[in-house]
Amino acid sequence: MVRRKIPSIEALIAFETAARHLSFTRSADELALTQSAVGRQVASLEEFLGVSLFSRVKKRLVLTEIGQIYARQVRDTLDTMERDTLAAMAHRDAGGILELAVIPTFATRWLIPRLPNFYAQHKDVTVNLTTRAVPFLFTGTPFDAAIHFGDPVWPGSIARYLFGEEVTPVCSPQLLSKGARLEPRDVARFTLLHQSARPDAWRHWFAQAGIHDVDAMLGQRYELFSMLVEAARAGLGIALVPRFFVSHELTTGELVIPCDLSLRSEKGYYLVFPEHKESSPQLQGFEKWLIAEASKYAQLGA
């Protein structure tokens, strides 16, 4: 039986905390230990490794070159261990965990408001959500599935179509004259608000209206649609957003549609999961529920 070359978890935690604070005193405060206890743990780790992790420069504690590298690695390892431990603890008296990667605004605007219905049907399943805005390889991640916008192309995975997307211009009512409606060319007179991952959206929108002489790349860019919605609410310009992301604001009048021209995307929303996860009971239950919810949404168009 080969003994693993792994130092004590106490020494690793003491080192990670000291490396983060660059102070044994602040590390001791965080860990509810004495300064000397933290120093002994770090010293034992250095002895185990056979390298110095810290040095003193004008009485300041600094990481050595290997100390900087090891601190990042230890921090990542401890984060993974904590996440895995919490996931294992969540299995107590539970029917299972589903780790789902999801587009940020889709999660907050569409999925989360519907989750109470899922939990009413699956009381023993826990769905954990983590935001991921771009496709990734499932290998080496904790995710069982992802909700993705784009094409159904994800190597080694199965993609289930949910629904398409209609994007529409929206803005604050204060940006317009009372009750005013704009023609597509009039929209170009306002500041255009863009979502960073879709830089050509406005160009496609104007092209659909037969307008090709407008610089549709001008304007402010925001990383998330949620930011874009808030920018529109603040009166910063006209945003082009998926209609279902702003259904609440349109109902309350916080946002209005200044021009009745929508753009139907050729892409869609998909539930994507690795092939080897297809038989997972938790995933099967979630997939069935999600497709039913997506079908109801598509039929209602809201």
Protein backbone atom coordinates (compact mmCIF):
# COMPACT_ATOMS: atom_id res chain seq x y z
CA MET A 1 0.00 0.00 0.00
CA VAL A 2 1.59 3.24 -1.19
CA ARG A 3 1.26 6.22 1.15
CA ARG A 4 0.25 9.41 -0.64
CA LYS A 5 2.59 12.39 -0.45
CA ILE A 6 -0.04 14.75 0.94
CA PRO A 7 0.54 17.15 3.85
CA SER A 8 -2.03 17.65 6.60
CA ILE A 9 -5.19 19.56 5.74
CA GLU A 10 -4.59 21.85 8.75
CA ALA A 11 -1.20 22.88 7.32
CA LEU A 12 -2.69 23.52 3.88
CA ILE A 13 -5.50 25.65 5.30
CA ALA A 14 -3.07 27.65 7.45
CA PHE A 15 -0.79 28.21 4.44
CA GLU A 16 -3.63 29.23 2.10
CA THR A 17 -4.99 31.72 4.64
CA ALA A 18 -1.56 33.19 5.37
CA ALA A 19 -0.82 33.42 1.63
CA ARG A 20 -4.10 35.24 1.03
CA HIS A 21 -3.52 37.77 3.82
CA LEU A 22 0.29 37.84 3.67
CA SER A 23 0.06 37.94 7.43
CA PHE A 24 0.25 35.25 10.10
CA THR A 25 -1.65 37.56 12.48
CA ARG A 26 -4.65 38.05 10.16
CA SER A 27 -4.56 34.38 9.25
CA ALA A 28 -4.70 33.49 12.95
CA ASP A 29 -7.70 35.81 13.43
CA GLU A 30 -9.58 34.17 10.56
CA LEU A 31 -8.84 30.64 11.77
CA ALA A 32 -9.32 31.39 15.50
CA LEU A 33 -5.77 30.21 16.21
CA THR A 34 -2.73 31.85 17.72
CA GLN A 35 -0.14 33.46 15.49
CA SER A 36 2.45 30.93 16.65
CA ALA A 37 0.10 28.04 15.79
CA VAL A 38 -0.23 29.33 12.22
CA GLY A 39 3.54 29.74 12.03
CA ARG A 40 4.09 26.16 13.20
CA GLN A 41 1.65 24.79 10.61
CA VAL A 42 3.38 26.72 7.80
CA ALA A 43 6.81 25.63 9.05
CA SER A 44 5.69 22.00 9.09
CA LEU A 45 4.42 22.36 5.51
CA GLU A 46 7.73 23.88 4.37
CA GLU A 47 9.60 21.03 6.06
CA PHE A 48 7.34 18.49 4.35
CA LEU A 49 7.89 20.11 0.94
CA GLY A 50 11.56 20.88 1.46
CA VAL A 51 11.12 24.42 0.09
CA SER A 52 10.52 27.90 1.53
CA LEU A 53 7.07 29.27 0.84
CA PHE A 54 7.51 32.67 2.49
CA SER A 55 10.35 35.13 2.94
CA ARG A 56 10.70 38.41 4.79
CA VAL A 57 11.35 41.63 2.86
CA LYS A 58 11.79 44.67 5.10
CA LYS A 59 9.74 42.93 7.81
CA ARG A 60 6.94 42.22 5.32
CA LEU A 61 5.80 38.67 4.66
CA VAL A 62 6.02 37.81 0.96
CA LEU A 63 5.52 34.61 -0.98
CA THR A 64 8.46 33.03 -2.73
CA GLU A 65 8.07 32.16 -6.40
CA ILE A 66 7.15 28.55 -5.62
CA GLY A 67 4.98 29.85 -2.77
CA GLN A 68 2.89 31.89 -5.21
CA ILE A 69 2.39 28.91 -7.51
CA TYR A 70 1.60 26.50 -4.67
CA ALA A 71 -0.81 28.96 -3.03
CA ARG A 72 -2.93 29.12 -6.20
CA GLN A 73 -2.93 25.35 -6.53
CA VAL A 74 -3.81 24.78 -2.88
CA ARG A 75 -6.62 27.36 -3.03
CA ASP A 76 -8.14 25.64 -6.07
CA THR A 77 -7.81 22.23 -4.40
CA LEU A 78 -9.43 23.40 -1.17
CA ASP A 79 -12.28 25.03 -3.12
CA THR A 80 -12.88 21.75 -4.97
CA MET A 81 -12.76 19.72 -1.76
CA GLU A 82 -15.26 22.07 -0.09
CA ARG A 83 -17.63 21.94 -3.06
CA ASP A 84 -17.44 18.14 -3.23
CA THR A 85 -17.97 17.86 0.52
CA LEU A 86 -21.03 20.10 0.46
CA ALA A 87 -22.41 18.10 -2.48
CA ALA A 88 -21.91 14.84 -0.58
CA MET A 89 -23.58 16.32 2.53
CA ALA A 90 -26.54 17.39 0.42
CA HIS A 91 -27.25 13.73 -0.37
CA ARG A 92 -28.37 13.08 3.20
CA ASP A 93 -32.03 12.05 3.06
CA ALA A 94 -32.21 13.42 -0.49
CA GLY A 95 -33.02 11.97 -3.87
CA GLY A 96 -29.96 13.43 -5.51
CA ILE A 97 -28.21 16.52 -6.75
CA LEU A 98 -28.29 18.05 -10.22
CA GLU A 99 -25.45 20.44 -11.01
CA LEU A 100 -26.59 22.76 -13.78
CA ALA A 101 -24.59 25.36 -15.70
CA VAL A 102 -26.87 28.05 -17.04
CA ILE A 103 -26.79 31.37 -18.89
CA PRO A 104 -27.02 34.10 -16.18
CA THR A 105 -30.04 36.09 -17.38
CA PHE A 106 -31.89 32.98 -18.53
CA ALA A 107 -31.51 31.63 -15.00
CA THR A 108 -32.84 34.74 -13.26
CA ARG A 109 -35.53 35.73 -15.77
CA TRP A 110 -36.93 32.39 -16.92
CA LEU A 111 -35.71 29.33 -15.02
CA ILE A 112 -35.69 30.35 -11.35
CA PRO A 113 -39.27 31.72 -11.35
CA ARG A 114 -40.41 28.29 -12.60
CA LEU A 115 -38.35 26.14 -10.21
CA PRO A 116 -41.02 26.08 -7.46
CA ASN A 117 -43.11 24.03 -9.87
CA PHE A 118 -40.23 21.59 -10.35
CA TYR A 119 -39.69 21.20 -6.61
CA ALA A 120 -43.41 20.61 -6.10
CA GLN A 121 -43.06 17.57 -8.36
CA HIS A 122 -39.57 16.48 -7.26
CA LYS A 123 -39.27 17.26 -3.56
CA ASP A 124 -36.23 15.00 -3.09
CA VAL A 125 -34.03 16.50 -5.84
CA THR A 126 -31.78 19.53 -5.40
CA VAL A 127 -30.83 21.64 -8.41
CA ASN A 128 -27.67 23.70 -7.98
CA LEU A 129 -27.19 26.54 -10.49
CA THR A 130 -23.87 27.98 -11.63
CA THR A 131 -23.63 30.60 -14.34
CA ARG A 132 -21.67 29.80 -17.49
CA ALA A 133 -22.10 32.14 -20.45
CA VAL A 134 -20.15 30.15 -23.06
CA PRO A 135 -19.92 26.45 -24.02
CA PHE A 136 -17.34 24.30 -22.21
CA LEU A 137 -16.18 20.70 -21.96
CA PHE A 138 -18.00 18.76 -19.27
CA THR A 139 -14.86 16.75 -18.53
CA GLY A 140 -13.25 17.99 -15.35
CA THR A 141 -16.30 19.99 -14.24
CA PRO A 142 -18.94 19.12 -11.64
CA PHE A 143 -21.80 19.79 -14.08
CA ASP A 144 -24.41 17.21 -15.04
CA ALA A 145 -25.98 19.44 -17.69
CA ALA A 146 -26.10 22.96 -19.09
CA ILE A 147 -28.65 25.29 -20.62
CA HIS A 148 -27.08 26.77 -23.72
CA PHE A 149 -28.09 29.33 -26.34
CA GLY A 150 -26.80 28.77 -29.84
CA ASP A 151 -26.56 25.76 -32.12
CA PRO A 152 -27.08 22.13 -31.02
CA VAL A 153 -23.40 21.36 -31.49
CA TRP A 154 -21.60 20.24 -28.33
CA PRO A 155 -19.01 17.42 -28.76
CA GLY A 156 -19.78 14.24 -26.84
CA SER A 157 -23.10 15.61 -25.63
CA ILE A 158 -26.83 15.35 -26.27
CA ALA A 159 -28.79 18.55 -26.97
CA ARG A 160 -32.54 18.84 -26.35
CA TYR A 161 -34.23 21.80 -28.03
CA LEU A 162 -36.26 24.02 -25.68
CA PHE A 163 -37.43 27.02 -27.72
CA GLY A 164 -36.29 29.77 -30.04
CA GLU A 165 -35.79 33.43 -29.37
CA GLU A 166 -37.38 36.68 -30.46
CA VAL A 167 -35.39 39.84 -29.74
CA THR A 168 -37.12 43.19 -29.63
CA PRO A 169 -36.05 46.81 -29.01
CA VAL A 170 -36.97 48.21 -25.60
CA CYS A 171 -36.36 51.47 -23.79
CA SER A 172 -37.52 53.63 -20.93
CA PRO A 173 -40.81 55.44 -21.70
CA GLN A 174 -39.07 58.65 -20.59
CA LEU A 175 -36.83 58.37 -23.62
CA LEU A 176 -39.75 58.97 -26.00
CA SER A 177 -42.36 61.61 -26.48
CA LYS A 178 -45.60 60.48 -24.86
CA GLY A 179 -47.10 57.61 -26.85
CA ALA A 180 -44.56 58.04 -29.66
CA ARG A 181 -43.83 55.12 -31.97
CA LEU A 182 -40.61 55.00 -33.95
CA GLU A 183 -39.90 53.82 -37.45
CA PRO A 184 -36.81 51.59 -37.76
CA ARG A 185 -34.70 54.42 -39.18
CA ASP A 186 -35.69 56.66 -36.25
CA VAL A 187 -34.15 54.13 -33.84
CA ALA A 188 -30.70 54.96 -35.20
CA ARG A 189 -31.02 58.50 -33.76
CA PHE A 190 -30.84 57.04 -30.24
CA THR A 191 -27.94 55.45 -28.40
CA LEU A 192 -27.87 51.73 -29.20
CA LEU A 193 -27.23 49.38 -26.27
CA HIS A 194 -25.45 46.13 -27.14
CA GLN A 195 -24.88 42.77 -25.48
CA SER A 196 -21.16 42.00 -25.80
CA ALA A 197 -21.57 38.41 -27.01
CA ARG A 198 -23.92 39.52 -29.81
CA PRO A 199 -22.15 42.46 -31.46
CA ASP A 200 -24.02 42.06 -34.77
CA ALA A 201 -27.55 41.98 -33.33
CA TRP A 202 -28.41 45.57 -34.19
CA ARG A 203 -26.89 45.24 -37.66
CA HIS A 204 -29.15 42.24 -38.35
CA TRP A 205 -32.14 44.13 -36.97
CA PHE A 206 -31.59 47.12 -39.27
CA ALA A 207 -30.91 44.79 -42.22
CA GLN A 208 -34.26 43.10 -41.61
CA ALA A 209 -35.85 46.55 -41.95
CA GLY A 210 -33.97 47.06 -45.23
CA ILE A 211 -31.64 49.66 -43.71
CA HIS A 212 -27.95 49.21 -44.54
CA ASP A 213 -26.51 52.72 -44.25
CA VAL A 214 -26.58 52.94 -40.43
CA ASP A 215 -23.52 52.37 -38.26
CA ALA A 216 -25.14 49.76 -36.03
CA MET A 217 -21.92 49.10 -34.11
CA LEU A 218 -21.99 52.43 -32.25
CA GLY A 219 -23.18 52.54 -28.67
CA GLN A 220 -22.52 51.04 -25.26
CA ARG A 221 -21.75 47.37 -24.63
CA TYR A 222 -22.74 45.27 -21.62
CA GLU A 223 -21.60 41.77 -20.77
CA LEU A 224 -24.94 40.45 -19.53
CA PHE A 225 -28.51 40.94 -20.70
CA SER A 226 -29.44 41.80 -17.12
CA MET A 227 -27.07 44.78 -17.38
CA LEU A 228 -28.59 45.69 -20.73
CA VAL A 229 -32.09 45.69 -19.22
CA GLU A 230 -30.99 47.94 -16.36
CA ALA A 231 -29.28 50.31 -18.80
CA ALA A 232 -32.50 50.56 -20.80
CA ARG A 233 -34.51 51.17 -17.62
CA ALA A 234 -32.07 53.95 -16.71
CA GLY A 235 -32.81 55.70 -19.99
CA LEU A 236 -29.31 55.21 -21.44
CA GLY A 237 -30.61 54.17 -24.84
CA ILE A 238 -32.51 51.49 -26.73
CA ALA A 239 -31.61 47.86 -26.05
CA LEU A 240 -32.23 44.82 -28.23
CA VAL A 241 -33.14 41.96 -25.90
CA PRO A 242 -35.02 38.64 -25.87
CA ARG A 243 -38.65 39.51 -25.24
CA PHE A 244 -39.12 37.02 -22.41
CA PHE A 245 -36.25 38.63 -20.49
CA VAL A 246 -38.30 41.83 -20.11
CA SER A 247 -41.88 40.54 -19.84
CA HIS A 248 -42.19 41.88 -16.29
CA GLU A 249 -40.86 45.35 -17.17
CA LEU A 250 -43.14 45.54 -20.21
CA THR A 251 -46.15 44.60 -18.08
CA THR A 252 -45.35 47.21 -15.40
CA GLY A 253 -44.52 49.92 -17.94
CA GLU A 254 -40.92 50.32 -16.77
CA LEU A 255 -39.93 49.53 -20.35
CA VAL A 256 -41.77 50.00 -23.65
CA ILE A 257 -41.30 48.71 -27.18
CA PRO A 258 -40.57 51.81 -29.27
CA CYS A 259 -40.71 50.07 -32.66
CA ASP A 260 -42.80 47.05 -33.65
CA LEU A 261 -40.04 45.16 -35.41
CA SER A 262 -38.75 41.98 -33.81
CA LEU A 263 -35.88 39.79 -34.91
CA ARG A 264 -36.34 36.04 -34.84
CA SER A 265 -33.03 34.31 -34.13
CA GLU A 266 -32.01 31.19 -36.05
CA LYS A 267 -30.45 29.87 -32.85
CA GLY A 268 -32.25 28.45 -29.84
CA TYR A 269 -32.06 27.41 -26.20
CA TYR A 270 -30.99 23.83 -25.48
CA LEU A 271 -30.58 21.53 -22.52
CA VAL A 272 -27.20 19.88 -23.08
CA PHE A 273 -25.71 16.98 -21.15
CA PRO A 274 -22.92 14.39 -21.60
CA GLU A 275 -23.96 11.12 -23.20
CA HIS A 276 -23.00 9.11 -20.12
CA LYS A 277 -25.43 11.17 -17.99
CA GLU A 278 -28.47 10.26 -20.08
CA SER A 279 -29.61 7.54 -17.64
CA SER A 280 -29.32 9.74 -14.53
CA PRO A 281 -32.71 9.69 -12.70
CA GLN A 282 -32.27 13.28 -11.52
CA LEU A 283 -31.45 14.47 -15.03
CA GLN A 284 -34.29 12.50 -16.59
CA GLY A 285 -36.80 14.07 -14.19
CA PHE A 286 -35.45 17.57 -14.78
CA GLU A 287 -35.33 17.08 -18.56
CA LYS A 288 -38.95 15.93 -18.72
CA TRP A 289 -40.12 18.85 -16.57
CA LEU A 290 -38.00 21.44 -18.42
CA ILE A 291 -39.17 20.36 -21.88
CA ALA A 292 -42.80 20.51 -20.69
CA GLU A 293 -42.26 24.04 -19.32
CA ALA A 294 -40.51 25.11 -22.52
CA SER A 295 -43.39 23.71 -24.59
CA LYS A 296 -45.95 25.65 -22.53
CA TYR A 297 -43.88 28.82 -22.93
CA ALA A 298 -43.55 28.33 -26.70
CA GLN A 299 -47.30 27.74 -27.08
CA LEU A 300 -48.21 30.82 -25.02
CA GLY A 301 -45.51 32.93 -26.61
CA ALA A 302 -44.86 34.62 -23.22
